[in-house]
C-alpha cells in the first residue's frame, strides 16, 4: 500500500466514524468495528460527501440496500441502525 492510499484509507475511516455520529460513550466502543466494516462502503458510495455533514448520513442511508453485510452488521451492533429497519428494507427490496 502506498503512502497516499494509506492516508486516504485513514481519512475515510475517520470520516465514516464522524459520520456515524457516535453520541454515547458505549457506542464509541464500536467505532473501530464500524470504521473497519464500513470504510469500503463509504469509499464506494459516499466519498463525495463532506465529513460530519448531514449529506454523508443521507448518502449512507440511501446506499443502505447496497451496503455490505459486514457494514450493516456493525451498524446494527453499534445501535446506529435497528435490526427491524434492516429487515424492513430487505423485505421492501424483494
N, C-alpha and C. Protein backbone atom coordinates (compact mmCIF):
# COMPACT_ATOMS: atom_id res chain seq x y z
N UNK A 1 0.84 -1.16 0.00
CA UNK A 1 0.00 0.00 0.00
C UNK A 1 0.89 1.23 0.00
N UNK A 2 0.57 2.18 -0.87
CA UNK A 2 1.37 3.38 -0.94
C UNK A 2 0.99 4.33 0.18
N UNK A 3 1.84 5.30 0.40
CA UNK A 3 1.59 6.28 1.46
C UNK A 3 0.29 7.04 1.17
N UNK A 4 0.03 7.38 -0.09
CA UNK A 4 -1.18 8.10 -0.46
C UNK A 4 -2.42 7.26 -0.20
N UNK A 5 -2.40 5.99 -0.59
CA UNK A 5 -3.58 5.16 -0.37
C UNK A 5 -3.79 4.88 1.11
N UNK A 6 -2.72 4.77 1.87
CA UNK A 6 -2.85 4.59 3.32
C UNK A 6 -3.48 5.83 3.94
N UNK A 7 -3.04 6.99 3.52
CA UNK A 7 -3.60 8.23 4.04
C UNK A 7 -5.07 8.35 3.69
N UNK A 8 -5.44 7.96 2.47
CA UNK A 8 -6.84 8.01 2.06
C UNK A 8 -7.68 7.05 2.90
N UNK A 9 -7.16 5.86 3.16
CA UNK A 9 -7.89 4.89 3.97
C UNK A 9 -8.10 5.41 5.38
N UNK A 10 -7.07 6.00 5.95
CA UNK A 10 -7.19 6.56 7.30
C UNK A 10 -8.19 7.71 7.31
N UNK A 11 -8.13 8.57 6.31
CA UNK A 11 -9.07 9.68 6.20
C UNK A 11 -10.50 9.15 6.06
N UNK A 12 -10.69 8.16 5.21
CA UNK A 12 -12.02 7.59 5.02
C UNK A 12 -12.54 6.99 6.32
N UNK A 13 -11.67 6.31 7.05
CA UNK A 13 -12.09 5.72 8.32
C UNK A 13 -12.51 6.80 9.30
N UNK A 14 -11.78 7.89 9.34
CA UNK A 14 -12.14 8.99 10.23
C UNK A 14 -13.45 9.62 9.82
N UNK A 15 -13.67 9.74 8.54
CA UNK A 15 -14.91 10.33 8.03
C UNK A 15 -16.10 9.44 8.39
N UNK A 16 -15.95 8.15 8.16
CA UNK A 16 -17.04 7.23 8.48
C UNK A 16 -17.37 7.30 9.97
N UNK A 17 -16.35 7.31 10.79
CA UNK A 17 -16.57 7.39 12.24
C UNK A 17 -17.31 8.67 12.59
N UNK A 18 -16.88 9.78 12.03
CA UNK A 18 -17.54 11.05 12.32
C UNK A 18 -18.97 11.06 11.78
N UNK A 19 -19.15 10.47 10.63
CA UNK A 19 -20.47 10.47 10.00
C UNK A 19 -21.49 9.66 10.77
N UNK A 20 -21.05 8.67 11.43
CA UNK A 20 -21.97 7.83 12.17
C UNK A 20 -22.50 8.53 13.41
N UNK A 21 -21.87 9.63 13.80
CA UNK A 21 -22.38 10.45 14.87
C UNK A 21 -22.48 9.74 16.20
N UNK A 22 -21.42 9.17 16.65
CA UNK A 22 -21.44 8.48 17.94
C UNK A 22 -21.78 9.47 19.03
N UNK A 23 -22.92 9.24 19.68
CA UNK A 23 -23.41 10.19 20.65
C UNK A 23 -23.25 9.73 22.09
N UNK A 24 -23.10 8.45 22.31
CA UNK A 24 -22.95 7.96 23.67
C UNK A 24 -21.64 7.20 23.79
N UNK A 25 -21.08 7.22 24.96
CA UNK A 25 -19.76 6.62 25.13
C UNK A 25 -19.75 5.13 24.86
N UNK A 26 -20.84 4.41 25.15
CA UNK A 26 -20.85 2.97 24.89
C UNK A 26 -20.78 2.68 23.40
N UNK A 27 -21.34 3.58 22.57
CA UNK A 27 -21.27 3.38 21.13
C UNK A 27 -19.86 3.55 20.61
N UNK A 28 -19.06 4.37 21.30
CA UNK A 28 -17.70 4.60 20.81
C UNK A 28 -16.87 3.33 20.88
N UNK A 29 -17.26 2.37 21.69
CA UNK A 29 -16.57 1.09 21.74
C UNK A 29 -16.67 0.37 20.41
N UNK A 30 -17.71 0.69 19.65
CA UNK A 30 -17.90 0.05 18.36
C UNK A 30 -17.33 0.85 17.21
N UNK A 31 -16.83 2.03 17.47
CA UNK A 31 -16.38 2.88 16.38
C UNK A 31 -15.32 2.22 15.51
N UNK A 32 -14.38 1.52 16.10
CA UNK A 32 -13.34 0.86 15.32
C UNK A 32 -13.95 -0.24 14.44
N UNK A 33 -14.91 -0.98 14.99
CA UNK A 33 -15.55 -2.04 14.21
C UNK A 33 -16.36 -1.45 13.06
N UNK A 34 -17.10 -0.39 13.33
CA UNK A 34 -17.89 0.26 12.28
C UNK A 34 -16.96 0.84 11.22
N UNK A 35 -15.90 1.47 11.66
CA UNK A 35 -14.94 2.04 10.72
C UNK A 35 -14.35 0.97 9.81
N UNK A 36 -13.89 -0.12 10.41
CA UNK A 36 -13.33 -1.21 9.61
C UNK A 36 -14.35 -1.78 8.64
N UNK A 37 -15.55 -1.98 9.12
CA UNK A 37 -16.57 -2.64 8.31
C UNK A 37 -17.14 -1.73 7.22
N UNK A 38 -17.16 -0.43 7.43
CA UNK A 38 -17.86 0.48 6.53
C UNK A 38 -16.97 1.37 5.65
N UNK A 39 -15.68 1.34 5.84
CA UNK A 39 -14.81 2.21 5.05
C UNK A 39 -14.95 1.94 3.56
N UNK A 40 -14.97 0.70 3.16
CA UNK A 40 -15.12 0.37 1.74
C UNK A 40 -16.44 0.87 1.17
N UNK A 41 -17.50 0.76 1.97
CA UNK A 41 -18.81 1.25 1.53
C UNK A 41 -18.79 2.76 1.39
N UNK A 42 -18.18 3.43 2.35
CA UNK A 42 -18.05 4.88 2.25
C UNK A 42 -17.31 5.26 0.96
N UNK A 43 -16.19 4.61 0.71
CA UNK A 43 -15.40 4.93 -0.48
C UNK A 43 -16.18 4.64 -1.76
N UNK A 44 -16.98 3.58 -1.76
CA UNK A 44 -17.74 3.21 -2.95
C UNK A 44 -18.92 4.12 -3.22
N UNK A 45 -19.61 4.56 -2.17
CA UNK A 45 -20.88 5.24 -2.36
C UNK A 45 -20.92 6.70 -1.92
N UNK A 46 -20.10 7.10 -0.98
CA UNK A 46 -20.29 8.42 -0.37
C UNK A 46 -19.03 9.26 -0.25
N UNK A 47 -17.97 8.90 -0.90
CA UNK A 47 -16.72 9.65 -0.73
C UNK A 47 -16.82 11.08 -1.25
N UNK A 48 -17.86 11.39 -1.99
CA UNK A 48 -18.06 12.75 -2.49
C UNK A 48 -18.65 13.69 -1.45
N UNK A 49 -19.02 13.16 -0.29
CA UNK A 49 -19.64 13.98 0.74
C UNK A 49 -18.61 14.44 1.76
N UNK A 50 -18.93 15.51 2.45
CA UNK A 50 -18.02 16.09 3.43
C UNK A 50 -18.15 15.38 4.78
N UNK A 51 -17.04 15.23 5.48
CA UNK A 51 -17.08 14.61 6.81
C UNK A 51 -18.00 15.37 7.76
N UNK A 52 -18.77 14.62 8.52
CA UNK A 52 -19.62 15.21 9.54
C UNK A 52 -20.86 15.91 9.01
N UNK A 53 -21.06 15.89 7.71
CA UNK A 53 -22.20 16.60 7.14
C UNK A 53 -23.45 15.72 7.17
N UNK A 54 -24.59 16.36 7.15
CA UNK A 54 -25.84 15.61 7.09
C UNK A 54 -25.96 14.90 5.74
N UNK A 55 -25.29 15.42 4.73
CA UNK A 55 -25.32 14.77 3.41
C UNK A 55 -24.64 13.41 3.45
N UNK A 56 -23.62 13.27 4.29
CA UNK A 56 -22.97 11.97 4.42
C UNK A 56 -23.92 10.96 5.04
N UNK A 57 -24.62 11.37 6.09
CA UNK A 57 -25.60 10.47 6.71
C UNK A 57 -26.68 10.11 5.71
N UNK A 58 -27.17 11.09 4.96
CA UNK A 58 -28.19 10.83 3.95
C UNK A 58 -27.67 9.88 2.88
N UNK A 59 -26.43 10.07 2.47
CA UNK A 59 -25.84 9.22 1.44
C UNK A 59 -25.74 7.78 1.91
N UNK A 60 -25.27 7.60 3.15
CA UNK A 60 -25.14 6.23 3.67
C UNK A 60 -26.51 5.58 3.81
N UNK A 61 -27.52 6.34 4.21
CA UNK A 61 -28.88 5.79 4.30
C UNK A 61 -29.38 5.41 2.91
N UNK A 62 -29.15 6.27 1.92
CA UNK A 62 -29.58 6.00 0.55
C UNK A 62 -28.86 4.76 0.00
N UNK A 63 -27.61 4.61 0.36
CA UNK A 63 -26.83 3.45 -0.10
C UNK A 63 -27.18 2.19 0.68
N UNK A 64 -28.01 2.32 1.71
CA UNK A 64 -28.34 1.22 2.61
C UNK A 64 -28.52 -0.14 1.96
N UNK A 65 -29.34 -0.25 0.91
CA UNK A 65 -29.54 -1.56 0.29
C UNK A 65 -28.28 -2.14 -0.36
N UNK A 66 -27.32 -1.29 -0.65
CA UNK A 66 -26.08 -1.76 -1.29
C UNK A 66 -24.93 -1.93 -0.31
N UNK A 67 -25.12 -1.52 0.94
CA UNK A 67 -24.05 -1.65 1.92
C UNK A 67 -23.71 -3.11 2.16
N UNK A 68 -22.47 -3.36 2.43
CA UNK A 68 -22.02 -4.73 2.68
C UNK A 68 -22.66 -5.28 3.95
N UNK A 69 -22.77 -6.60 4.00
CA UNK A 69 -23.33 -7.24 5.20
C UNK A 69 -22.51 -6.89 6.43
N UNK A 70 -21.20 -6.83 6.26
CA UNK A 70 -20.33 -6.50 7.39
C UNK A 70 -20.60 -5.12 7.93
N UNK A 71 -20.79 -4.17 7.04
CA UNK A 71 -21.08 -2.79 7.47
C UNK A 71 -22.43 -2.74 8.17
N UNK A 72 -23.44 -3.32 7.56
CA UNK A 72 -24.77 -3.32 8.17
C UNK A 72 -24.74 -3.99 9.54
N UNK A 73 -24.06 -5.12 9.62
CA UNK A 73 -23.95 -5.82 10.90
C UNK A 73 -23.27 -4.98 11.96
N UNK A 74 -22.23 -4.27 11.58
CA UNK A 74 -21.52 -3.41 12.53
C UNK A 74 -22.40 -2.24 12.96
N UNK A 75 -23.16 -1.68 12.04
CA UNK A 75 -24.06 -0.58 12.37
C UNK A 75 -25.16 -1.03 13.32
N UNK A 76 -25.69 -2.23 13.08
CA UNK A 76 -26.73 -2.77 13.97
C UNK A 76 -26.14 -3.03 15.35
N UNK A 77 -24.98 -3.66 15.38
CA UNK A 77 -24.35 -3.98 16.66
C UNK A 77 -24.03 -2.71 17.46
N UNK A 78 -23.68 -1.65 16.76
CA UNK A 78 -23.37 -0.39 17.43
C UNK A 78 -24.62 0.39 17.83
N UNK A 79 -25.78 -0.10 17.41
CA UNK A 79 -27.02 0.58 17.74
C UNK A 79 -27.31 1.79 16.88
N UNK A 80 -26.62 1.91 15.76
CA UNK A 80 -26.81 3.04 14.86
C UNK A 80 -27.92 2.80 13.85
N UNK A 81 -28.25 1.53 13.65
CA UNK A 81 -29.33 1.13 12.77
C UNK A 81 -30.05 -0.01 13.49
N UNK A 82 -31.37 -0.02 13.43
CA UNK A 82 -32.10 -1.10 14.10
C UNK A 82 -32.22 -2.31 13.18
N UNK A 83 -32.27 -3.46 13.79
CA UNK A 83 -32.43 -4.70 13.02
C UNK A 83 -33.78 -4.68 12.30
N UNK A 84 -34.81 -4.11 12.94
CA UNK A 84 -36.12 -4.04 12.29
C UNK A 84 -36.07 -3.17 11.03
N UNK A 85 -35.29 -2.09 11.05
CA UNK A 85 -35.13 -1.25 9.87
C UNK A 85 -34.43 -2.02 8.75
N UNK A 86 -33.41 -2.78 9.10
CA UNK A 86 -32.70 -3.59 8.11
C UNK A 86 -33.66 -4.61 7.50
N UNK A 87 -34.44 -5.27 8.34
CA UNK A 87 -35.40 -6.27 7.85
C UNK A 87 -36.48 -5.63 6.98
N UNK A 88 -36.95 -4.47 7.40
CA UNK A 88 -37.97 -3.76 6.62
C UNK A 88 -37.46 -3.40 5.24
N UNK A 89 -36.25 -2.89 5.19
CA UNK A 89 -35.67 -2.51 3.89
C UNK A 89 -35.41 -3.74 3.02
N UNK A 90 -34.97 -4.83 3.64
CA UNK A 90 -34.73 -6.05 2.87
C UNK A 90 -36.02 -6.58 2.29
N UNK A 91 -37.09 -6.55 3.06
CA UNK A 91 -38.39 -7.01 2.58
C UNK A 91 -38.91 -6.12 1.44
N UNK A 92 -38.70 -4.82 1.55
CA UNK A 92 -39.15 -3.89 0.53
C UNK A 92 -38.38 -4.06 -0.78
N UNK A 93 -37.14 -4.52 -0.68
CA UNK A 93 -36.30 -4.70 -1.85
C UNK A 93 -36.66 -5.95 -2.65
N UNK A 94 -37.38 -6.84 -2.02
CA UNK A 94 -37.74 -8.11 -2.71
C UNK A 94 -38.82 -7.94 -3.69
